[in-house]
C-alpha cells in the first residue's frame, strides 16, 4: 500500500534499532509494529530462499501463519468506512472495463469486497487468492466463485476472462514467479481481454512493514517494481500492448504511455544530486503504477 507524505518523528526501538520515519502513521503500539516486522521478514525470507517446488505450498502457509500470530494485523482492523472508500475508488477506476456481459477476475482478492461489488454489474466474477482466511465467503453473491492458487496459477478455464485485475499483488510474488503468473493471467484472458495491474513503485518505497528499518522492501513485498520493469515483463509474457494510467480517488487523471522518463529523472536525481524528487506529491502521484495490458 502507498504512503502519503506525512512526516513522522524519529524513534528508537527497545533493542536500539533506529526506526525510519514512516509517511503513514500506524495507530498500533510500536512493539506490535516491530513484532510484525520481525515475523514478516523471517517468513518472507523463507519464501525468497525456497526452491520453486516448495513455493506453491509456502505462499498460503506463510500468510496463514502471519494472520494467526498477528491478530492486530491491518487486515483485521480495517475501519468499515475506510474499506468502503477503498472499494469505491477501485470500482470507480474499473467501471469502464465492466459490464453485464463481462467475466471479471480479481487476482489476490483478499477480503473479496471488490469482487462482491463487481458481481453486481458483471455476468460472473472469480476471485483468486492463496488464502481464504480474511474473506467472508458466506456473504458472496450467486455469480461469484472463490478459488485457491499456489501463488502463480490462475485456476480458471483458458480464454474465459474479459477483465483481470490485481491491486498490490505483484510485489508479493517471488521474482521467479511473477513472470509465470503474468503468462497465466494472459492465458486466462479472452482475445483483446485486459489485465489492469496496480502495484507500488519501487522508487517511492519501500511500501511494506520493512519501511520501519530498511531502505528496500524486505517483508512480504518480495520485490517492488518500476513501471519500466513491469512493462518489460508484461511484453515478455506475450501481452501486445501496455499502457499506464494515473488515477486520483478512483478518477482517471491522465494516460501515460510509460512514465519511464520521469522514473529516469527521479533515479538520476538521487544518484547525482541527492535529491528525492519522489517525495514531492505531484511526482509521487505520477509515479503510481497502474498498467493496462491488452492480450
C-alpha atoms as a PDB file:
ATOM      1  CA  UNK A   1       0.000   0.000   0.000  1.00  0.00           C
ATOM      2  CA  UNK A   2       1.171   3.514  -0.715  1.00  0.00           C
ATOM      3  CA  UNK A   3       2.031   6.097   1.904  1.00  0.00           C
ATOM      4  CA  UNK A   4       1.048   9.753   1.919  1.00  0.00           C
ATOM      5  CA  UNK A   5       3.832  12.227   2.525  1.00  0.00           C
ATOM      6  CA  UNK A   6       3.211  12.862   6.238  1.00  0.00           C
ATOM      7  CA  UNK A   7       6.267  13.437   8.447  1.00  0.00           C
ATOM      8  CA  UNK A   8       6.838  11.163  11.429  1.00  0.00           C
ATOM      9  CA  UNK A   9       9.294  11.643  14.315  1.00  0.00           C
ATOM     10  CA  UNK A  10      12.440   9.544  14.591  1.00  0.00           C
ATOM     11  CA  UNK A  11      12.132   6.772  17.186  1.00  0.00           C
ATOM     12  CA  UNK A  12      14.432   4.175  18.708  1.00  0.00           C
ATOM     13  CA  UNK A  13      13.253   0.598  19.181  1.00  0.00           C
ATOM     14  CA  UNK A  14      13.738  -1.069  22.603  1.00  0.00           C
ATOM     15  CA  UNK A  15      16.592  -3.138  21.152  1.00  0.00           C
ATOM     16  CA  UNK A  16      18.354   0.017  19.921  1.00  0.00           C
ATOM     17  CA  UNK A  17      17.357  -0.187  16.268  1.00  0.00           C
ATOM     18  CA  UNK A  18      16.595   3.152  14.604  1.00  0.00           C
ATOM     19  CA  UNK A  19      13.029   3.479  13.334  1.00  0.00           C
ATOM     20  CA  UNK A  20      12.835   5.119   9.921  1.00  0.00           C
ATOM     21  CA  UNK A  21      10.224   7.918   9.745  1.00  0.00           C
ATOM     22  CA  UNK A  22       7.176   6.457   8.007  1.00  0.00           C
ATOM     23  CA  UNK A  23       4.960   8.588   5.832  1.00  0.00           C
ATOM     24  CA  UNK A  24       1.808   6.853   7.013  1.00  0.00           C
ATOM     25  CA  UNK A  25       1.167   6.712  10.713  1.00  0.00           C
ATOM     26  CA  UNK A  26       0.350   3.284  12.144  1.00  0.00           C
ATOM     27  CA  UNK A  27      -2.038   3.511  15.120  1.00  0.00           C
ATOM     28  CA  UNK A  28      -0.647   0.362  16.735  1.00  0.00           C
ATOM     29  CA  UNK A  29       1.897   0.412  19.570  1.00  0.00           C
ATOM     30  CA  UNK A  30       5.476   0.357  18.339  1.00  0.00           C
ATOM     31  CA  UNK A  31       6.105  -3.102  19.822  1.00  0.00           C
ATOM     32  CA  UNK A  32       3.306  -4.565  17.679  1.00  0.00           C
ATOM     33  CA  UNK A  33       4.770  -2.992  14.543  1.00  0.00           C
ATOM     34  CA  UNK A  34       8.229  -4.362  15.405  1.00  0.00           C
ATOM     35  CA  UNK A  35       6.782  -7.812  16.103  1.00  0.00           C
ATOM     36  CA  UNK A  36       5.115  -7.822  12.681  1.00  0.00           C
ATOM     37  CA  UNK A  37       8.317  -6.622  11.023  1.00  0.00           C
ATOM     38  CA  UNK A  38      10.435  -9.362  12.611  1.00  0.00           C
ATOM     39  CA  UNK A  39       7.924 -12.113  11.817  1.00  0.00           C
ATOM     40  CA  UNK A  40       7.213 -10.880   8.305  1.00  0.00           C
ATOM     41  CA  UNK A  41      10.884 -10.608   7.353  1.00  0.00           C
ATOM     42  CA  UNK A  42      11.510 -14.145   8.677  1.00  0.00           C
ATOM     43  CA  UNK A  43       8.540 -15.549   6.752  1.00  0.00           C
ATOM     44  CA  UNK A  44       9.444 -13.580   3.616  1.00  0.00           C
ATOM     45  CA  UNK A  45      12.996 -14.933   3.748  1.00  0.00           C
ATOM     46  CA  UNK A  46      11.558 -18.454   3.783  1.00  0.00           C
ATOM     47  CA  UNK A  47       9.810 -17.635   0.527  1.00  0.00           C
ATOM     48  CA  UNK A  48      12.792 -15.856  -1.001  1.00  0.00           C
ATOM     49  CA  UNK A  49      15.134 -18.785  -0.415  1.00  0.00           C
ATOM     50  CA  UNK A  50      12.686 -21.640  -1.068  1.00  0.00           C
ATOM     51  CA  UNK A  51      13.104 -23.685  -4.254  1.00  0.00           C
ATOM     52  CA  UNK A  52      10.397 -23.346  -6.878  1.00  0.00           C
ATOM     53  CA  UNK A  53       8.842 -26.719  -5.989  1.00  0.00           C
ATOM     54  CA  UNK A  54       8.173 -25.596  -2.408  1.00  0.00           C
ATOM     55  CA  UNK A  55       6.938 -22.040  -3.007  1.00  0.00           C
ATOM     56  CA  UNK A  56       3.467 -23.084  -4.128  1.00  0.00           C
ATOM     57  CA  UNK A  57       2.802 -24.556  -0.688  1.00  0.00           C
ATOM     58  CA  UNK A  58       4.585 -21.776   1.174  1.00  0.00           C
ATOM     59  CA  UNK A  59       2.566 -18.826  -0.211  1.00  0.00           C
ATOM     60  CA  UNK A  60      -0.581 -19.878   1.615  1.00  0.00           C
ATOM     61  CA  UNK A  61       1.305 -21.187   4.657  1.00  0.00           C
ATOM     62  CA  UNK A  62       3.263 -18.017   5.430  1.00  0.00           C
ATOM     63  CA  UNK A  63       0.212 -15.753   5.100  1.00  0.00           C
ATOM     64  CA  UNK A  64      -1.875 -18.064   7.273  1.00  0.00           C
ATOM     65  CA  UNK A  65       0.917 -18.049   9.880  1.00  0.00           C
ATOM     66  CA  UNK A  66       1.215 -14.260   9.777  1.00  0.00           C
ATOM     67  CA  UNK A  67      -2.540 -13.757  10.271  1.00  0.00           C
ATOM     68  CA  UNK A  68      -2.662 -16.381  13.038  1.00  0.00           C
ATOM     69  CA  UNK A  69       0.202 -14.800  15.007  1.00  0.00           C
ATOM     70  CA  UNK A  70      -0.680 -11.149  14.317  1.00  0.00           C
ATOM     71  CA  UNK A  71      -4.318 -10.629  15.417  1.00  0.00           C
ATOM     72  CA  UNK A  72      -3.599  -6.877  15.346  1.00  0.00           C
ATOM     73  CA  UNK A  73      -2.660  -7.025  11.630  1.00  0.00           C
ATOM     74  CA  UNK A  74      -4.173  -4.293   9.470  1.00  0.00           C
ATOM     75  CA  UNK A  75      -6.278  -6.860   7.604  1.00  0.00           C
ATOM     76  CA  UNK A  76      -8.294  -7.374  10.806  1.00  0.00           C
ATOM     77  CA  UNK A  77      -8.563  -3.746  11.925  1.00  0.00           C
ATOM     78  CA  UNK A  78      -9.803  -2.035   8.788  1.00  0.00           C
ATOM     79  CA  UNK A  79     -12.474   0.530   9.531  1.00  0.00           C
ATOM     80  CA  UNK A  80     -15.674  -0.115   7.638  1.00  0.00           C
ATOM     81  CA  UNK A  81     -15.729   3.420   6.238  1.00  0.00           C
ATOM     82  CA  UNK A  82     -12.084   3.262   5.113  1.00  0.00           C
ATOM     83  CA  UNK A  83     -12.640  -0.108   3.478  1.00  0.00           C
ATOM     84  CA  UNK A  84     -15.727   1.174   1.676  1.00  0.00           C
ATOM     85  CA  UNK A  85     -13.724   4.153   0.392  1.00  0.00           C
ATOM     86  CA  UNK A  86     -11.031   1.802  -0.928  1.00  0.00           C
ATOM     87  CA  UNK A  87     -13.566  -0.401  -2.693  1.00  0.00           C
ATOM     88  CA  UNK A  88     -15.434   2.622  -4.090  1.00  0.00           C
ATOM     89  CA  UNK A  89     -12.208   4.002  -5.581  1.00  0.00           C
ATOM     90  CA  UNK A  90     -11.141   0.688  -7.076  1.00  0.00           C
ATOM     91  CA  UNK A  91     -14.600   0.060  -8.503  1.00  0.00           C
ATOM     92  CA  UNK A  92     -14.780   3.583  -9.960  1.00  0.00           C
ATOM     93  CA  UNK A  93     -11.416   3.120 -11.644  1.00  0.00           C
ATOM     94  CA  UNK A  94     -12.561  -0.197 -13.182  1.00  0.00           C
ATOM     95  CA  UNK A  95     -16.146   0.734 -14.084  1.00  0.00           C
ATOM     96  CA  UNK A  96     -15.307   1.498 -17.719  1.00  0.00           C
ATOM     97  CA  UNK A  97     -13.991  -2.055 -18.192  1.00  0.00           C
ATOM     98  CA  UNK A  98     -17.005  -3.807 -16.619  1.00  0.00           C
ATOM     99  CA  UNK A  99     -20.482  -4.657 -17.930  1.00  0.00           C
ATOM    100  CA  UNK A 100     -23.314  -7.206 -17.805  1.00  0.00           C
ATOM    101  CA  UNK A 101     -21.651  -9.409 -20.442  1.00  0.00           C
ATOM    102  CA  UNK A 102     -18.212  -9.407 -18.760  1.00  0.00           C
ATOM    103  CA  UNK A 103     -16.395 -12.050 -16.745  1.00  0.00           C
ATOM    104  CA  UNK A 104     -14.240 -10.346 -14.101  1.00  0.00           C
ATOM    105  CA  UNK A 105     -11.245 -11.951 -12.399  1.00  0.00           C
ATOM    106  CA  UNK A 106      -9.613 -10.486  -9.297  1.00  0.00           C
ATOM    107  CA  UNK A 107      -6.179 -11.912  -8.508  1.00  0.00           C
ATOM    108  CA  UNK A 108      -5.128 -11.567  -4.872  1.00  0.00           C
ATOM    109  CA  UNK A 109      -8.684 -10.759  -3.839  1.00  0.00           C
ATOM    110  CA  UNK A 110      -8.112 -10.711  -0.065  1.00  0.00           C
ATOM    111  CA  UNK A 111     -11.396  -9.861   1.653  1.00  0.00           C
ATOM    112  CA  UNK A 112     -13.213 -10.050  -1.738  1.00  0.00           C
ATOM    113  CA  UNK A 113     -15.175  -6.855  -1.125  1.00  0.00           C
ATOM    114  CA  UNK A 114     -14.249  -5.501  -4.562  1.00  0.00           C
ATOM    115  CA  UNK A 115     -15.187  -8.785  -6.229  1.00  0.00           C
ATOM    116  CA  UNK A 116     -18.566  -8.764  -4.479  1.00  0.00           C
ATOM    117  CA  UNK A 117     -19.130  -5.217  -5.755  1.00  0.00           C
ATOM    118  CA  UNK A 118     -18.103  -6.141  -9.302  1.00  0.00           C
ATOM    119  CA  UNK A 119     -20.549  -9.044  -9.235  1.00  0.00           C
ATOM    120  CA  UNK A 120     -23.401  -6.514  -9.150  1.00  0.00           C
ATOM    121  CA  UNK A 121     -22.564  -5.327 -12.689  1.00  0.00           C
ATOM    122  CA  UNK A 122     -20.834  -8.352 -14.282  1.00  0.00           C
ATOM    123  CA  UNK A 123     -22.098 -11.664 -15.609  1.00  0.00           C
ATOM    124  CA  UNK A 124     -19.779 -13.561 -13.303  1.00  0.00           C
ATOM    125  CA  UNK A 125     -16.795 -12.955 -11.025  1.00  0.00           C
ATOM    126  CA  UNK A 126     -13.925 -15.183  -9.941  1.00  0.00           C
ATOM    127  CA  UNK A 127     -11.659 -14.285  -7.002  1.00  0.00           C
ATOM    128  CA  UNK A 128      -8.259 -15.971  -6.809  1.00  0.00           C
ATOM    129  CA  UNK A 129      -6.060 -15.946  -3.709  1.00  0.00           C
ATOM    130  CA  UNK A 130      -3.573 -18.074  -1.781  1.00  0.00           C
ATOM    131  CA  UNK A 131      -5.714 -17.891   1.368  1.00  0.00           C
ATOM    132  CA  UNK A 132      -9.382 -17.581   2.285  1.00  0.00           C
ATOM    133  CA  UNK A 133      -8.805 -16.562   5.910  1.00  0.00           C
ATOM    134  CA  UNK A 134      -9.888 -12.912   5.561  1.00  0.00           C
ATOM    135  CA  UNK A 135     -12.848 -13.347   3.177  1.00  0.00           C
ATOM    136  CA  UNK A 136     -16.446 -13.693   4.400  1.00  0.00           C
ATOM    137  CA  UNK A 137     -17.461 -16.184   1.722  1.00  0.00           C
ATOM    138  CA  UNK A 138     -20.854 -16.721   3.356  1.00  0.00           C
ATOM    139  CA  UNK A 139     -21.767 -13.233   2.096  1.00  0.00           C
ATOM    140  CA  UNK A 140     -20.820 -13.998  -1.521  1.00  0.00           C
ATOM    141  CA  UNK A 141     -23.360 -13.314  -4.309  1.00  0.00           C
ATOM    142  CA  UNK A 142     -24.598 -16.134  -6.507  1.00  0.00           C
ATOM    143  CA  UNK A 143     -22.483 -15.243  -9.557  1.00  0.00           C
ATOM    144  CA  UNK A 144     -19.245 -15.309  -7.544  1.00  0.00           C
ATOM    145  CA  UNK A 145     -16.645 -18.073  -7.168  1.00  0.00           C
ATOM    146  CA  UNK A 146     -13.537 -18.211  -4.952  1.00  0.00           C
ATOM    147  CA  UNK A 147     -10.599 -20.419  -5.956  1.00  0.00           C
ATOM    148  CA  UNK A 148      -7.276 -21.009  -4.231  1.00  0.00           C
ATOM    149  CA  UNK A 149      -3.972 -20.599  -6.047  1.00  0.00           C
ATOM    150  CA  UNK A 150      -0.438 -21.756  -5.351  1.00  0.00           C
ATOM    151  CA  UNK A 151       0.734 -18.182  -5.886  1.00  0.00           C
ATOM    152  CA  UNK A 152       1.251 -18.290  -9.646  1.00  0.00           C
ATOM    153  CA  UNK A 153      -1.546 -20.471 -11.044  1.00  0.00           C
ATOM    154  CA  UNK A 154      -4.804 -18.939 -12.290  1.00  0.00           C
ATOM    155  CA  UNK A 155      -7.207 -21.905 -11.990  1.00  0.00           C
ATOM    156  CA  UNK A 156      -9.881 -20.804 -14.472  1.00  0.00           C
ATOM    157  CA  UNK A 157     -10.607 -22.075 -17.994  1.00  0.00           C
ATOM    158  CA  UNK A 158      -8.302 -20.765 -20.694  1.00  0.00           C
ATOM    159  CA  UNK A 159      -9.681 -17.762 -22.574  1.00  0.00           C
ATOM    160  CA  UNK A 160     -12.635 -17.322 -20.203  1.00  0.00           C
ATOM    161  CA  UNK A 161     -11.974 -13.868 -18.685  1.00  0.00           C
ATOM    162  CA  UNK A 162     -12.709 -10.414 -20.109  1.00  0.00           C
ATOM    163  CA  UNK A 163     -11.072  -8.294 -17.404  1.00  0.00           C
ATOM    164  CA  UNK A 164      -8.435  -9.336 -14.873  1.00  0.00           C
ATOM    165  CA  UNK A 165      -7.422  -7.048 -12.025  1.00  0.00           C
ATOM    166  CA  UNK A 166      -4.936  -7.011  -9.194  1.00  0.00           C
ATOM    167  CA  UNK A 167      -4.062  -4.336  -6.664  1.00  0.00           C
ATOM    168  CA  UNK A 168      -0.938  -4.531  -4.524  1.00  0.00           C
ATOM    169  CA  UNK A 169      -0.237  -8.107  -5.614  1.00  0.00           C
ATOM    170  CA  UNK A 170       2.777  -8.228  -7.949  1.00  0.00           C
ATOM    171  CA  UNK A 171       5.113  -7.050  -5.208  1.00  0.00           C
ATOM    172  CA  UNK A 172       4.115 -10.007  -3.014  1.00  0.00           C
ATOM    173  CA  UNK A 173       5.327 -12.598  -5.537  1.00  0.00           C
ATOM    174  CA  UNK A 174       8.745 -14.198  -5.589  1.00  0.00           C
ATOM    175  CA  UNK A 175      10.610 -12.580  -8.503  1.00  0.00           C
ATOM    176  CA  UNK A 176      10.956 -16.031 -10.051  1.00  0.00           C
ATOM    177  CA  UNK A 177       7.171 -16.481 -10.027  1.00  0.00           C
ATOM    178  CA  UNK A 178       5.977 -13.058 -11.181  1.00  0.00           C
ATOM    179  CA  UNK A 179       6.681 -13.708 -14.870  1.00  0.00           C
ATOM    180  CA  UNK A 180       4.936 -17.078 -14.676  1.00  0.00           C
ATOM    181  CA  UNK A 181       1.819 -15.542 -13.158  1.00  0.00           C
ATOM    182  CA  UNK A 182       1.701 -12.911 -15.904  1.00  0.00           C
ATOM    183  CA  UNK A 183       1.722 -15.675 -18.530  1.00  0.00           C
ATOM    184  CA  UNK A 184      -1.068 -17.485 -16.669  1.00  0.00           C
ATOM    185  CA  UNK A 185      -3.187 -14.321 -16.443  1.00  0.00           C
ATOM    186  CA  UNK A 186      -2.740 -13.722 -20.164  1.00  0.00           C
ATOM    187  CA  UNK A 187      -3.771 -17.324 -20.837  1.00  0.00           C
ATOM    188  CA  UNK A 188      -6.958 -16.840 -18.792  1.00  0.00           C
ATOM    189  CA  UNK A 189      -7.963 -13.766 -20.842  1.00  0.00           C
ATOM    190  CA  UNK A 190     -10.097 -13.802 -23.961  1.00  0.00           C
ATOM    191  CA  UNK A 191      -8.615 -12.257 -27.135  1.00  0.00           C
ATOM    192  CA  UNK A 192      -8.408  -8.488 -26.573  1.00  0.00           C
ATOM    193  CA  UNK A 193      -9.009  -9.041 -22.840  1.00  0.00           C
ATOM    194  CA  UNK A 194      -7.233  -6.681 -20.463  1.00  0.00           C
ATOM    195  CA  UNK A 195      -5.267  -7.034 -17.262  1.00  0.00           C
ATOM    196  CA  UNK A 196      -5.346  -3.954 -15.006  1.00  0.00           C
ATOM    197  CA  UNK A 197      -2.436  -4.147 -12.572  1.00  0.00           C
ATOM    198  CA  UNK A 198      -1.757  -1.663  -9.760  1.00  0.00           C
ATOM    199  CA  UNK A 199       1.469  -2.022  -7.819  1.00  0.00           C
ATOM    200  CA  UNK A 200       3.539   0.413  -5.734  1.00  0.00           C
ATOM    201  CA  UNK A 201       6.521   1.983  -7.448  1.00  0.00           C
ATOM    202  CA  UNK A 202       9.920   0.904  -6.125  1.00  0.00           C
ATOM    203  CA  UNK A 203      11.152   4.490  -6.412  1.00  0.00           C
ATOM    204  CA  UNK A 204       8.621   5.695  -3.813  1.00  0.00           C
ATOM    205  CA  UNK A 205       9.087   2.757  -1.398  1.00  0.00           C
ATOM    206  CA  UNK A 206       9.593   0.625   0.457  1.00  0.00           C
ATOM    207  CA  UNK A 207       5.854   0.243   0.915  1.00  0.00           C
ATOM    208  CA  UNK A 208       5.647  -2.729   3.281  1.00  0.00           C
ATOM    209  CA  UNK A 209       6.341  -3.093   7.012  1.00  0.00           C
ATOM    210  CA  UNK A 210      10.089  -3.196   6.298  1.00  0.00           C
ATOM    211  CA  UNK A 211       9.932   0.561   5.818  1.00  0.00           C
ATOM    212  CA  UNK A 212      10.332   0.765   9.600  1.00  0.00           C
ATOM    213  CA  UNK A 213      14.014  -0.090   9.358  1.00  0.00           C
ATOM    214  CA  UNK A 214      15.038  -0.610   5.746  1.00  0.00           C
ATOM    215  CA  UNK A 215      15.557   1.401   2.580  1.00  0.00           C
ATOM    216  CA  UNK A 216      14.379  -1.503   0.412  1.00  0.00           C
ATOM    217  CA  UNK A 217      11.453  -3.892   0.827  1.00  0.00           C
ATOM    218  CA  UNK A 218      12.341  -6.924   2.963  1.00  0.00           C
ATOM    219  CA  UNK A 219       8.922  -8.026   4.196  1.00  0.00           C
ATOM    220  CA  UNK A 220       6.112  -9.554   2.172  1.00  0.00           C
ATOM    221  CA  UNK A 221       6.869  -7.183  -0.679  1.00  0.00           C
ATOM    222  CA  UNK A 222       9.350  -9.638  -2.140  1.00  0.00           C
ATOM    223  CA  UNK A 223      10.107  -7.236  -4.998  1.00  0.00           C
ATOM    224  CA  UNK A 224       8.786  -3.778  -5.824  1.00  0.00           C
ATOM    225  CA  UNK A 225       8.866  -2.657  -9.470  1.00  0.00           C
ATOM    226  CA  UNK A 226       9.167   0.449 -11.564  1.00  0.00           C
ATOM    227  CA  UNK A 227       6.722   0.998 -14.416  1.00  0.00           C
ATOM    228  CA  UNK A 228       9.516   0.353 -16.905  1.00  0.00           C
ATOM    229  CA  UNK A 229      10.301  -3.015 -15.310  1.00  0.00           C
ATOM    230  CA  UNK A 230       6.638  -4.044 -15.225  1.00  0.00           C
ATOM    231  CA  UNK A 231       6.074  -3.022 -18.847  1.00  0.00           C
ATOM    232  CA  UNK A 232       9.012  -5.146 -19.964  1.00  0.00           C
ATOM    233  CA  UNK A 233       7.741  -8.166 -18.027  1.00  0.00           C
ATOM    234  CA  UNK A 234       4.247  -7.840 -19.494  1.00  0.00           C
ATOM    235  CA  UNK A 235       5.533  -7.634 -23.059  1.00  0.00           C
ATOM    236  CA  UNK A 236       7.784 -10.642 -22.415  1.00  0.00           C
ATOM    237  CA  UNK A 237       4.713 -12.534 -21.142  1.00  0.00           C
ATOM    238  CA  UNK A 238       3.027 -12.038 -24.518  1.00  0.00           C
ATOM    239  CA  UNK A 239       0.780  -9.011 -23.972  1.00  0.00           C
ATOM    240  CA  UNK A 240       0.710  -6.983 -27.177  1.00  0.00           C
ATOM    241  CA  UNK A 241       0.234  -3.534 -25.628  1.00  0.00           C
ATOM    242  CA  UNK A 242       0.833  -1.938 -22.227  1.00  0.00           C
ATOM    243  CA  UNK A 243      -0.497   1.491 -21.277  1.00  0.00           C
ATOM    244  CA  UNK A 244      -0.276   3.335 -17.969  1.00  0.00           C
ATOM    245  CA  UNK A 245      -2.915   5.387 -16.189  1.00  0.00           C
ATOM    246  CA  UNK A 246      -2.816   7.756 -13.232  1.00  0.00           C
ATOM    247  CA  UNK A 247      -5.949   7.909 -11.090  1.00  0.00           C
ATOM    248  CA  UNK A 248      -6.771  10.015  -8.046  1.00  0.00           C
ATOM    249  CA  UNK A 249      -9.605   8.846  -5.782  1.00  0.00           C
ATOM    250  CA  UNK A 250     -10.541   6.356  -8.489  1.00  0.00           C
ATOM    251  CA  UNK A 251     -10.937   9.019 -11.193  1.00  0.00           C
ATOM    252  CA  UNK A 252      -8.702   8.842 -14.263  1.00  0.00           C
ATOM    253  CA  UNK A 253      -6.396  11.881 -14.344  1.00  0.00           C
ATOM    254  CA  UNK A 254      -4.332  11.105 -17.414  1.00  0.00           C
ATOM    255  CA  UNK A 255      -2.926   8.299 -19.519  1.00  0.00           C
ATOM    256  CA  UNK A 256       0.814   7.893 -19.768  1.00  0.00           C
ATOM    257  CA  UNK A 257       2.371   5.576 -22.386  1.00  0.00           C
ATOM    258  CA  UNK A 258       5.058   4.723 -19.829  1.00  0.00           C
ATOM    259  CA  UNK A 259       6.447   7.032 -17.124  1.00  0.00           C
ATOM    260  CA  UNK A 260       9.977   5.901 -17.965  1.00  0.00           C
ATOM    261  CA  UNK A 261      11.336   9.414 -18.434  1.00  0.00           C
ATOM    262  CA  UNK A 262      10.065  10.543 -15.014  1.00  0.00           C
ATOM    263  CA  UNK A 263      11.460   7.416 -13.376  1.00  0.00           C
ATOM    264  CA  UNK A 264      14.819   8.069 -15.030  1.00  0.00           C
ATOM    265  CA  UNK A 265      14.800  11.665 -13.750  1.00  0.00           C
ATOM    266  CA  UNK A 266      13.938  10.606 -10.177  1.00  0.00           C
ATOM    267  CA  UNK A 267      16.595   7.890 -10.163  1.00  0.00           C
ATOM    268  CA  UNK A 268      19.308  10.180 -11.550  1.00  0.00           C
ATOM    269  CA  UNK A 269      18.316  12.955  -9.156  1.00  0.00           C
ATOM    270  CA  UNK A 270      19.048  10.655  -6.244  1.00  0.00           C
ATOM    271  CA  UNK A 271      22.281   9.307  -7.695  1.00  0.00           C
ATOM    272  CA  UNK A 272      23.768  12.559  -8.931  1.00  0.00           C
ATOM    273  CA  UNK A 273      22.382  15.309  -6.700  1.00  0.00           C
ATOM    274  CA  UNK A 274      20.967  13.521  -3.646  1.00  0.00           C
ATOM    275  CA  UNK A 275      17.512  14.927  -4.460  1.00  0.00           C
ATOM    276  CA  UNK A 276      14.493  12.768  -3.626  1.00  0.00           C
ATOM    277  CA  UNK A 277      12.012  14.152  -6.130  1.00  0.00           C
ATOM    278  CA  UNK A 278       9.623  11.284  -5.364  1.00  0.00           C
ATOM    279  CA  UNK A 279       8.755  12.954  -2.059  1.00  0.00           C
ATOM    280  CA  UNK A 280       7.081  15.774  -3.984  1.00  0.00           C
ATOM    281  CA  UNK A 281       3.404  14.873  -4.002  1.00  0.00           C
ATOM    282  CA  UNK A 282       2.742  15.521  -7.736  1.00  0.00           C
ATOM    283  CA  UNK A 283       5.755  13.364  -8.641  1.00  0.00           C
ATOM    284  CA  UNK A 284       4.695  10.665  -6.167  1.00  0.00           C
ATOM    285  CA  UNK A 285       1.214  10.566  -7.725  1.00  0.00           C
ATOM    286  CA  UNK A 286       2.587  10.465 -11.284  1.00  0.00           C
ATOM    287  CA  UNK A 287       4.820   7.510 -10.366  1.00  0.00           C
ATOM    288  CA  UNK A 288       1.941   5.322  -9.213  1.00  0.00           C
ATOM    289  CA  UNK A 289       1.988   2.204 -11.349  1.00  0.00           C
ATOM    290  CA  UNK A 290      -1.361   1.238 -12.880  1.00  0.00           C
ATOM    291  CA  UNK A 291      -0.751  -0.750 -16.028  1.00  0.00           C
ATOM    292  CA  UNK A 292      -3.406  -1.818 -18.528  1.00  0.00           C
ATOM    293  CA  UNK A 293      -2.069  -4.748 -20.548  1.00  0.00           C
ATOM    294  CA  UNK A 294      -4.020  -5.995 -23.583  1.00  0.00           C
ATOM    295  CA  UNK A 295      -3.828  -9.570 -24.812  1.00  0.00           C
END
